[in-house]
Amino acid sequence: METMDKNETTRGTEHPLSLLANTAYGVFSELGFEIAQAPELETQWYNFDALNVPKDHPARDMQDTFYIKESAEPKRVLRTHNTNTSARALERVAKEGHTSSAFVSVGKVFRNEATDATHEMQFFQIDGCMIGENISLAHMKGVLVAFYKKVLGEEVEIEFRPSFFPFTEPSVEVHAKFKGKWLEMMGGGMIHPNVLRNAGLDPEKVQGFAFGGGLDRIAMIKWNIPDVRLFYQGDLRLNQF
């Protein structure tokens, strides 16, 4: 990252993550997605159970999740991913009796892990989903390719590789070839039937795809920012973006 001239007069500007979030919202809005939000302090149901995460899944362990000490029920956690937004959005769609919809959200998530240049205890994720009567992985591919070409440039190459996530089946990892290197950007796939059932939707009538990944990672690649921790330290050198 370039250094600033000590004599240069600085002024308030939008944070790189805010710039990227606004760009993302603009791209997805043009593709027909509605902006959604959900709480950062979340119940275990929306953070884990509704998303088909097993009771014995490692992600539930204390070393990954911040559990809130309280006597009230249901027990709550600091959300470990922004996919709780999709869980709540799908539930709302079911209650309203709709069979087609699309949502996108950018929000802060929390992980109980050691920090380094590429890992933080808090970071931002972009998460989205689309449901309908004839939705396929081809639709997700088209949406995500359009998004990455918009934020990283028309020359960027996108590749989808098989993977596994509890809330999607089949699942894929999304990789972008940027400056000659393949980098994992996000995960996604077809929404698991159990997730649809938990939201009150009939998987025999409705299908959909979901995706999610780190916004910070995209910003680091886009602007060549070497350390993810710089986003949260008030470093004025970020003003150049």
C-alpha atoms as a PDB file:
ATOM      1  CA  MET A   1       0.000   0.000   0.000  1.00  0.00           C
ATOM      2  CA  GLU A   2       1.339   3.428  -0.918  1.00  0.00           C
ATOM      3  CA  THR A   3       2.406   5.829   1.835  1.00  0.00           C
ATOM      4  CA  MET A   4       0.989   9.322   2.168  1.00  0.00           C
ATOM      5  CA  ASP A   5       3.057  12.503   2.007  1.00  0.00           C
ATOM      6  CA  LYS A   6       3.295  13.888   5.565  1.00  0.00           C
ATOM      7  CA  ASN A   7       2.518  17.356   4.232  1.00  0.00           C
ATOM      8  CA  GLU A   8      -0.527  16.211   2.295  1.00  0.00           C
ATOM      9  CA  THR A   9      -3.784  17.612   3.609  1.00  0.00           C
ATOM     10  CA  THR A  10      -6.176  14.787   4.375  1.00  0.00           C
ATOM     11  CA  ARG A  11      -9.932  14.974   4.305  1.00  0.00           C
ATOM     12  CA  GLY A  12     -12.720  12.643   5.219  1.00  0.00           C
ATOM     13  CA  THR A  13     -13.570  10.077   2.558  1.00  0.00           C
ATOM     14  CA  GLU A  14     -15.578   6.890   2.354  1.00  0.00           C
ATOM     15  CA  HIS A  15     -13.910   3.833   3.820  1.00  0.00           C
ATOM     16  CA  PRO A  16     -12.871   1.247   1.191  1.00  0.00           C
ATOM     17  CA  LEU A  17     -15.295  -1.314   2.632  1.00  0.00           C
ATOM     18  CA  SER A  18     -18.137   1.211   2.400  1.00  0.00           C
ATOM     19  CA  LEU A  19     -17.213   1.984  -1.213  1.00  0.00           C
ATOM     20  CA  LEU A  20     -17.175  -1.708  -2.077  1.00  0.00           C
ATOM     21  CA  ALA A  21     -20.419  -2.424  -0.217  1.00  0.00           C
ATOM     22  CA  ASN A  22     -22.195   0.353  -2.112  1.00  0.00           C
ATOM     23  CA  THR A  23     -20.816  -0.969  -5.410  1.00  0.00           C
ATOM     24  CA  ALA A  24     -22.015  -4.465  -4.527  1.00  0.00           C
ATOM     25  CA  TYR A  25     -25.491  -3.234  -3.610  1.00  0.00           C
ATOM     26  CA  GLY A  26     -25.657  -1.357  -6.911  1.00  0.00           C
ATOM     27  CA  VAL A  27     -24.667  -4.410  -8.975  1.00  0.00           C
ATOM     28  CA  PHE A  28     -27.063  -6.760  -7.232  1.00  0.00           C
ATOM     29  CA  SER A  29     -29.922  -4.244  -7.287  1.00  0.00           C
ATOM     30  CA  GLU A  30     -29.559  -4.067 -11.068  1.00  0.00           C
ATOM     31  CA  LEU A  31     -29.836  -7.870 -11.114  1.00  0.00           C
ATOM     32  CA  GLY A  32     -33.110  -7.782  -9.176  1.00  0.00           C
ATOM     33  CA  PHE A  33     -31.857  -8.401  -5.629  1.00  0.00           C
ATOM     34  CA  GLU A  34     -33.467  -6.740  -2.624  1.00  0.00           C
ATOM     35  CA  ILE A  35     -31.233  -5.459   0.199  1.00  0.00           C
ATOM     36  CA  ALA A  36     -31.779  -7.320   3.493  1.00  0.00           C
ATOM     37  CA  GLN A  37     -30.334  -7.053   7.003  1.00  0.00           C
ATOM     38  CA  ALA A  38     -30.292  -9.193  10.147  1.00  0.00           C
ATOM     39  CA  PRO A  39     -29.002  -8.835  13.737  1.00  0.00           C
ATOM     40  CA  GLU A  40     -25.300  -9.203  14.568  1.00  0.00           C
ATOM     41  CA  LEU A  41     -26.343 -10.637  17.955  1.00  0.00           C
ATOM     42  CA  GLU A  42     -28.200 -13.726  16.810  1.00  0.00           C
ATOM     43  CA  THR A  43     -29.959 -16.809  18.158  1.00  0.00           C
ATOM     44  CA  GLN A  44     -28.325 -20.173  17.605  1.00  0.00           C
ATOM     45  CA  TRP A  45     -31.363 -21.151  15.541  1.00  0.00           C
ATOM     46  CA  TYR A  46     -30.747 -18.605  12.770  1.00  0.00           C
ATOM     47  CA  ASN A  47     -26.947 -18.835  13.013  1.00  0.00           C
ATOM     48  CA  PHE A  48     -26.751 -22.649  12.985  1.00  0.00           C
ATOM     49  CA  ASP A  49     -29.886 -24.809  13.149  1.00  0.00           C
ATOM     50  CA  ALA A  50     -31.962 -23.128  10.440  1.00  0.00           C
ATOM     51  CA  LEU A  51     -28.934 -23.424   8.147  1.00  0.00           C
ATOM     52  CA  ASN A  52     -28.596 -27.197   8.596  1.00  0.00           C
ATOM     53  CA  VAL A  53     -25.419 -26.935  10.695  1.00  0.00           C
ATOM     54  CA  PRO A  54     -25.219 -30.148  12.814  1.00  0.00           C
ATOM     55  CA  LYS A  55     -25.131 -29.953  16.613  1.00  0.00           C
ATOM     56  CA  ASP A  56     -21.610 -31.455  16.615  1.00  0.00           C
ATOM     57  CA  HIS A  57     -20.223 -29.240  13.837  1.00  0.00           C
ATOM     58  CA  PRO A  58     -16.779 -27.761  14.730  1.00  0.00           C
ATOM     59  CA  ALA A  59     -18.031 -24.251  13.911  1.00  0.00           C
ATOM     60  CA  ARG A  60     -20.143 -24.345  17.085  1.00  0.00           C
ATOM     61  CA  ASP A  61     -17.109 -24.818  19.321  1.00  0.00           C
ATOM     62  CA  MET A  62     -15.978 -22.009  21.604  1.00  0.00           C
ATOM     63  CA  GLN A  63     -12.769 -21.578  19.606  1.00  0.00           C
ATOM     64  CA  ASP A  64     -14.818 -20.428  16.603  1.00  0.00           C
ATOM     65  CA  THR A  65     -17.932 -18.826  18.095  1.00  0.00           C
ATOM     66  CA  PHE A  66     -18.448 -16.002  20.595  1.00  0.00           C
ATOM     67  CA  TYR A  67     -21.231 -17.194  22.900  1.00  0.00           C
ATOM     68  CA  ILE A  68     -23.061 -14.594  24.983  1.00  0.00           C
ATOM     69  CA  LYS A  69     -23.283 -15.310  28.720  1.00  0.00           C
ATOM     70  CA  GLU A  70     -26.882 -14.717  29.690  1.00  0.00           C
ATOM     71  CA  SER A  71     -29.701 -16.539  31.424  1.00  0.00           C
ATOM     72  CA  ALA A  72     -32.331 -15.618  28.847  1.00  0.00           C
ATOM     73  CA  GLU A  73     -33.523 -18.083  26.224  1.00  0.00           C
ATOM     74  CA  PRO A  74     -32.866 -18.650  23.423  1.00  0.00           C
ATOM     75  CA  LYS A  75     -29.086 -18.542  23.850  1.00  0.00           C
ATOM     76  CA  ARG A  76     -27.430 -16.038  21.516  1.00  0.00           C
ATOM     77  CA  VAL A  77     -24.096 -15.704  19.723  1.00  0.00           C
ATOM     78  CA  LEU A  78     -22.252 -13.066  17.750  1.00  0.00           C
ATOM     79  CA  ARG A  79     -23.060 -14.252  14.252  1.00  0.00           C
ATOM     80  CA  THR A  80     -20.246 -16.250  12.664  1.00  0.00           C
ATOM     81  CA  HIS A  81     -21.467 -15.566   9.129  1.00  0.00           C
ATOM     82  CA  ASN A  82     -23.886 -13.268   7.369  1.00  0.00           C
ATOM     83  CA  THR A  83     -25.972 -16.217   6.161  1.00  0.00           C
ATOM     84  CA  ASN A  84     -28.342 -15.645   9.067  1.00  0.00           C
ATOM     85  CA  THR A  85     -29.682 -12.842   6.875  1.00  0.00           C
ATOM     86  CA  SER A  86     -30.719 -15.344   4.197  1.00  0.00           C
ATOM     87  CA  ALA A  87     -32.287 -17.633   6.806  1.00  0.00           C
ATOM     88  CA  ARG A  88     -34.464 -14.795   8.087  1.00  0.00           C
ATOM     89  CA  ALA A  89     -35.251 -13.505   4.590  1.00  0.00           C
ATOM     90  CA  LEU A  90     -36.375 -16.942   3.391  1.00  0.00           C
ATOM     91  CA  GLU A  91     -38.596 -17.315   6.450  1.00  0.00           C
ATOM     92  CA  ARG A  92     -40.216 -13.954   5.724  1.00  0.00           C
ATOM     93  CA  VAL A  93     -40.800 -14.926   2.086  1.00  0.00           C
ATOM     94  CA  ALA A  94     -42.504 -18.142   3.199  1.00  0.00           C
ATOM     95  CA  LYS A  95     -44.762 -16.303   5.647  1.00  0.00           C
ATOM     96  CA  GLU A  96     -45.762 -13.852   2.916  1.00  0.00           C
ATOM     97  CA  GLY A  97     -46.616 -16.744   0.596  1.00  0.00           C
ATOM     98  CA  HIS A  98     -44.105 -15.887  -2.147  1.00  0.00           C
ATOM     99  CA  THR A  99     -42.319 -18.479  -4.285  1.00  0.00           C
ATOM    100  CA  SER A 100     -39.691 -16.248  -5.880  1.00  0.00           C
ATOM    101  CA  SER A 101     -37.381 -13.630  -4.438  1.00  0.00           C
ATOM    102  CA  ALA A 102     -33.724 -12.562  -4.203  1.00  0.00           C
ATOM    103  CA  PHE A 103     -31.796 -10.933  -1.357  1.00  0.00           C
ATOM    104  CA  VAL A 104     -28.299  -9.577  -0.793  1.00  0.00           C
ATOM    105  CA  SER A 105     -26.685  -8.306   2.380  1.00  0.00           C
ATOM    106  CA  VAL A 106     -23.357  -6.909   3.557  1.00  0.00           C
ATOM    107  CA  GLY A 107     -22.688  -7.144   7.273  1.00  0.00           C
ATOM    108  CA  LYS A 108     -20.126  -7.646  10.005  1.00  0.00           C
ATOM    109  CA  VAL A 109     -19.409 -11.136  11.333  1.00  0.00           C
ATOM    110  CA  PHE A 110     -17.294 -12.399  14.223  1.00  0.00           C
ATOM    111  CA  ARG A 111     -14.917 -15.357  14.654  1.00  0.00           C
ATOM    112  CA  ASN A 112     -13.002 -16.319  17.789  1.00  0.00           C
ATOM    113  CA  GLU A 113      -9.632 -16.827  16.121  1.00  0.00           C
ATOM    114  CA  ALA A 114      -6.069 -15.513  16.084  1.00  0.00           C
ATOM    115  CA  THR A 115      -5.433 -12.467  13.909  1.00  0.00           C
ATOM    116  CA  ASP A 116      -2.800 -12.037  11.214  1.00  0.00           C
ATOM    117  CA  ALA A 117      -2.458 -10.276   7.859  1.00  0.00           C
ATOM    118  CA  THR A 118      -5.344 -12.257   6.318  1.00  0.00           C
ATOM    119  CA  HIS A 119      -7.496 -13.084   9.385  1.00  0.00           C
ATOM    120  CA  GLU A 120      -9.448 -10.871  11.781  1.00  0.00           C
ATOM    121  CA  MET A 121     -11.817 -11.511  14.684  1.00  0.00           C
ATOM    122  CA  GLN A 122     -14.326  -9.235  12.927  1.00  0.00           C
ATOM    123  CA  PHE A 123     -14.788  -8.733   9.213  1.00  0.00           C
ATOM    124  CA  PHE A 124     -17.489  -8.096   6.625  1.00  0.00           C
ATOM    125  CA  GLN A 125     -19.252 -10.666   4.479  1.00  0.00           C
ATOM    126  CA  ILE A 126     -21.447 -10.314   1.433  1.00  0.00           C
ATOM    127  CA  ASP A 127     -24.229 -12.868   1.388  1.00  0.00           C
ATOM    128  CA  GLY A 128     -27.100 -13.486  -0.984  1.00  0.00           C
ATOM    129  CA  CYS A 129     -29.723 -15.937  -2.138  1.00  0.00           C
ATOM    130  CA  MET A 130     -32.298 -16.340  -4.893  1.00  0.00           C
ATOM    131  CA  ILE A 131     -35.283 -18.696  -4.924  1.00  0.00           C
ATOM    132  CA  GLY A 132     -37.843 -19.574  -7.570  1.00  0.00           C
ATOM    133  CA  GLU A 133     -39.484 -22.485  -9.319  1.00  0.00           C
ATOM    134  CA  ASN A 134     -36.692 -23.104 -11.852  1.00  0.00           C
ATOM    135  CA  ILE A 135     -33.488 -21.777 -10.301  1.00  0.00           C
ATOM    136  CA  SER A 136     -30.208 -23.571 -11.063  1.00  0.00           C
ATOM    137  CA  LEU A 137     -26.456 -23.225 -10.490  1.00  0.00           C
ATOM    138  CA  ALA A 138     -26.251 -21.633 -13.931  1.00  0.00           C
ATOM    139  CA  HIS A 139     -28.178 -18.646 -12.551  1.00  0.00           C
ATOM    140  CA  MET A 140     -25.739 -18.298  -9.652  1.00  0.00           C
ATOM    141  CA  LYS A 141     -22.793 -18.509 -12.047  1.00  0.00           C
ATOM    142  CA  GLY A 142     -24.197 -15.716 -14.189  1.00  0.00           C
ATOM    143  CA  VAL A 143     -24.885 -13.497 -11.176  1.00  0.00           C
ATOM    144  CA  LEU A 144     -21.453 -13.940  -9.583  1.00  0.00           C
ATOM    145  CA  VAL A 145     -19.495 -13.588 -12.818  1.00  0.00           C
ATOM    146  CA  ALA A 146     -21.317 -10.299 -13.455  1.00  0.00           C
ATOM    147  CA  PHE A 147     -20.510  -9.136  -9.916  1.00  0.00           C
ATOM    148  CA  TYR A 148     -16.798  -9.932 -10.043  1.00  0.00           C
ATOM    149  CA  LYS A 149     -16.347  -8.444 -13.496  1.00  0.00           C
ATOM    150  CA  LYS A 150     -17.892  -5.251 -12.178  1.00  0.00           C
ATOM    151  CA  VAL A 151     -15.710  -4.960  -9.069  1.00  0.00           C
ATOM    152  CA  LEU A 152     -12.440  -6.511 -10.313  1.00  0.00           C
ATOM    153  CA  GLY A 153     -12.600  -5.691 -14.025  1.00  0.00           C
ATOM    154  CA  GLU A 154     -13.788  -7.363 -17.207  1.00  0.00           C
ATOM    155  CA  GLU A 155     -10.519  -9.280 -17.539  1.00  0.00           C
ATOM    156  CA  VAL A 156     -10.978 -11.278 -14.318  1.00  0.00           C
ATOM    157  CA  GLU A 157     -11.465 -15.044 -14.745  1.00  0.00           C
ATOM    158  CA  ILE A 158     -13.923 -16.931 -12.502  1.00  0.00           C
ATOM    159  CA  GLU A 159     -13.825 -20.651 -11.744  1.00  0.00           C
ATOM    160  CA  PHE A 160     -16.251 -22.818  -9.763  1.00  0.00           C
ATOM    161  CA  ARG A 161     -14.833 -25.839  -7.900  1.00  0.00           C
ATOM    162  CA  PRO A 162     -16.719 -28.591  -5.988  1.00  0.00           C
ATOM    163  CA  SER A 163     -16.871 -28.165  -2.217  1.00  0.00           C
ATOM    164  CA  PHE A 164     -19.088 -28.841   0.809  1.00  0.00           C
ATOM    165  CA  PHE A 165     -21.172 -26.569   3.032  1.00  0.00           C
ATOM    166  CA  PRO A 166     -23.977 -27.665   5.391  1.00  0.00           C
ATOM    167  CA  PHE A 167     -26.527 -25.238   3.930  1.00  0.00           C
ATOM    168  CA  THR A 168     -25.987 -25.942   0.212  1.00  0.00           C
ATOM    169  CA  GLU A 169     -26.052 -29.111  -1.904  1.00  0.00           C
ATOM    170  CA  PRO A 170     -24.358 -29.315  -4.336  1.00  0.00           C
ATOM    171  CA  SER A 171     -21.763 -26.798  -3.112  1.00  0.00           C
ATOM    172  CA  VAL A 172     -18.983 -24.934  -4.876  1.00  0.00           C
ATOM    173  CA  GLU A 173     -16.075 -22.658  -4.073  1.00  0.00           C
ATOM    174  CA  VAL A 174     -15.767 -19.551  -6.235  1.00  0.00           C
ATOM    175  CA  HIS A 175     -12.211 -18.691  -7.310  1.00  0.00           C
ATOM    176  CA  ALA A 176     -11.054 -15.598  -9.162  1.00  0.00           C
ATOM    177  CA  LYS A 177      -7.867 -15.387 -11.228  1.00  0.00           C
ATOM    178  CA  PHE A 178      -6.474 -11.988 -10.408  1.00  0.00           C
ATOM    179  CA  LYS A 179      -3.010 -10.826 -11.473  1.00  0.00           C
ATOM    180  CA  GLY A 180      -2.098 -14.367 -12.467  1.00  0.00           C
ATOM    181  CA  LYS A 181      -3.157 -16.122  -9.256  1.00  0.00           C
ATOM    182  CA  TRP A 182      -6.249 -18.202  -8.417  1.00  0.00           C
ATOM    183  CA  LEU A 183      -7.797 -16.980  -5.154  1.00  0.00           C
ATOM    184  CA  GLU A 184     -10.764 -18.395  -3.240  1.00  0.00           C
ATOM    185  CA  MET A 185     -13.388 -15.656  -2.958  1.00  0.00           C
ATOM    186  CA  MET A 186     -16.561 -17.232  -1.576  1.00  0.00           C
ATOM    187  CA  GLY A 187     -18.665 -20.356  -1.251  1.00  0.00           C
ATOM    188  CA  GLY A 188     -22.098 -21.126  -2.598  1.00  0.00           C
ATOM    189  CA  GLY A 189     -24.427 -23.658  -4.139  1.00  0.00           C
ATOM    190  CA  MET A 190     -28.007 -24.800  -4.311  1.00  0.00           C
ATOM    191  CA  ILE A 191     -29.865 -24.202  -1.051  1.00  0.00           C
ATOM    192  CA  HIS A 192     -30.153 -27.456   0.909  1.00  0.00           C
ATOM    193  CA  PRO A 193     -33.729 -28.813   1.096  1.00  0.00           C
ATOM    194  CA  ASN A 194     -33.522 -28.792   4.908  1.00  0.00           C
ATOM    195  CA  VAL A 195     -32.810 -25.055   4.885  1.00  0.00           C
ATOM    196  CA  LEU A 196     -35.865 -24.458   2.713  1.00  0.00           C
ATOM    197  CA  ARG A 197     -38.017 -26.627   4.998  1.00  0.00           C
ATOM    198  CA  ASN A 198     -36.733 -24.819   8.095  1.00  0.00           C
ATOM    199  CA  ALA A 199     -37.828 -21.537   6.513  1.00  0.00           C
ATOM    200  CA  GLY A 200     -41.294 -22.933   5.780  1.00  0.00           C
ATOM    201  CA  LEU A 201     -40.774 -23.494   2.035  1.00  0.00           C
ATOM    202  CA  ASP A 202     -41.498 -26.663   0.055  1.00  0.00           C
ATOM    203  CA  PRO A 203     -38.304 -27.908  -1.683  1.00  0.00           C
ATOM    204  CA  GLU A 204     -40.478 -29.844  -4.126  1.00  0.00           C
ATOM    205  CA  LYS A 205     -41.861 -26.551  -5.434  1.00  0.00           C
ATOM    206  CA  VAL A 206     -39.091 -24.036  -4.755  1.00  0.00           C
ATOM    207  CA  GLN A 207     -35.362 -24.176  -5.439  1.00  0.00           C
ATOM    208  CA  GLY A 208     -32.682 -21.602  -4.969  1.00  0.00           C
ATOM    209  CA  PHE A 209     -29.021 -20.768  -4.696  1.00  0.00           C
ATOM    210  CA  ALA A 210     -27.044 -19.032  -1.955  1.00  0.00           C
ATOM    211  CA  PHE A 211     -23.554 -17.574  -1.755  1.00  0.00           C
ATOM    212  CA  GLY A 212     -21.351 -15.833   0.779  1.00  0.00           C
ATOM    213  CA  GLY A 213     -17.802 -14.612   1.192  1.00  0.00           C
ATOM    214  CA  GLY A 214     -15.536 -12.001   2.699  1.00  0.00           C
ATOM    215  CA  LEU A 215     -15.895  -8.424   1.466  1.00  0.00           C
ATOM    216  CA  ASP A 216     -12.542  -7.576   3.064  1.00  0.00           C
ATOM    217  CA  ARG A 217     -10.788 -10.149   0.862  1.00  0.00           C
ATOM    218  CA  ILE A 218     -12.224  -8.589  -2.277  1.00  0.00           C
ATOM    219  CA  ALA A 219     -11.126  -5.109  -1.128  1.00  0.00           C
ATOM    220  CA  MET A 220      -7.608  -6.356  -0.351  1.00  0.00           C
ATOM    221  CA  ILE A 221      -7.273  -7.765  -3.856  1.00  0.00           C
ATOM    222  CA  LYS A 222      -8.907  -4.823  -5.603  1.00  0.00           C
ATOM    223  CA  TRP A 223      -6.731  -2.154  -3.970  1.00  0.00           C
ATOM    224  CA  ASN A 224      -3.636  -4.216  -3.100  1.00  0.00           C
ATOM    225  CA  ILE A 225      -4.062  -3.737   0.656  1.00  0.00           C
ATOM    226  CA  PRO A 226      -1.514  -6.007   2.379  1.00  0.00           C
ATOM    227  CA  ASP A 227      -3.065  -6.478   5.828  1.00  0.00           C
ATOM    228  CA  VAL A 228      -6.746  -6.977   6.661  1.00  0.00           C
ATOM    229  CA  ARG A 229      -6.211  -5.392  10.093  1.00  0.00           C
ATOM    230  CA  LEU A 230      -5.630  -2.006   8.444  1.00  0.00           C
ATOM    231  CA  PHE A 231      -9.372  -1.774   7.759  1.00  0.00           C
ATOM    232  CA  TYR A 232     -10.066  -1.513  11.495  1.00  0.00           C
ATOM    233  CA  GLN A 233      -7.169   0.614  12.778  1.00  0.00           C
ATOM    234  CA  GLY A 234      -8.153   4.065  11.505  1.00  0.00           C
ATOM    235  CA  ASP A 235      -5.119   4.195   9.210  1.00  0.00           C
ATOM    236  CA  LEU A 236      -5.476   7.388   7.163  1.00  0.00           C
ATOM    237  CA  ARG A 237      -3.571   5.825   4.253  1.00  0.00           C
ATOM    238  CA  LEU A 238      -6.857   4.104   3.391  1.00  0.00           C
ATOM    239  CA  ASN A 239      -8.133   7.568   2.360  1.00  0.00           C
ATOM    240  CA  GLN A 240      -6.365   7.187  -0.989  1.00  0.00           C
ATOM    241  CA  PHE A 241      -9.137   4.824  -2.086  1.00  0.00           C
END
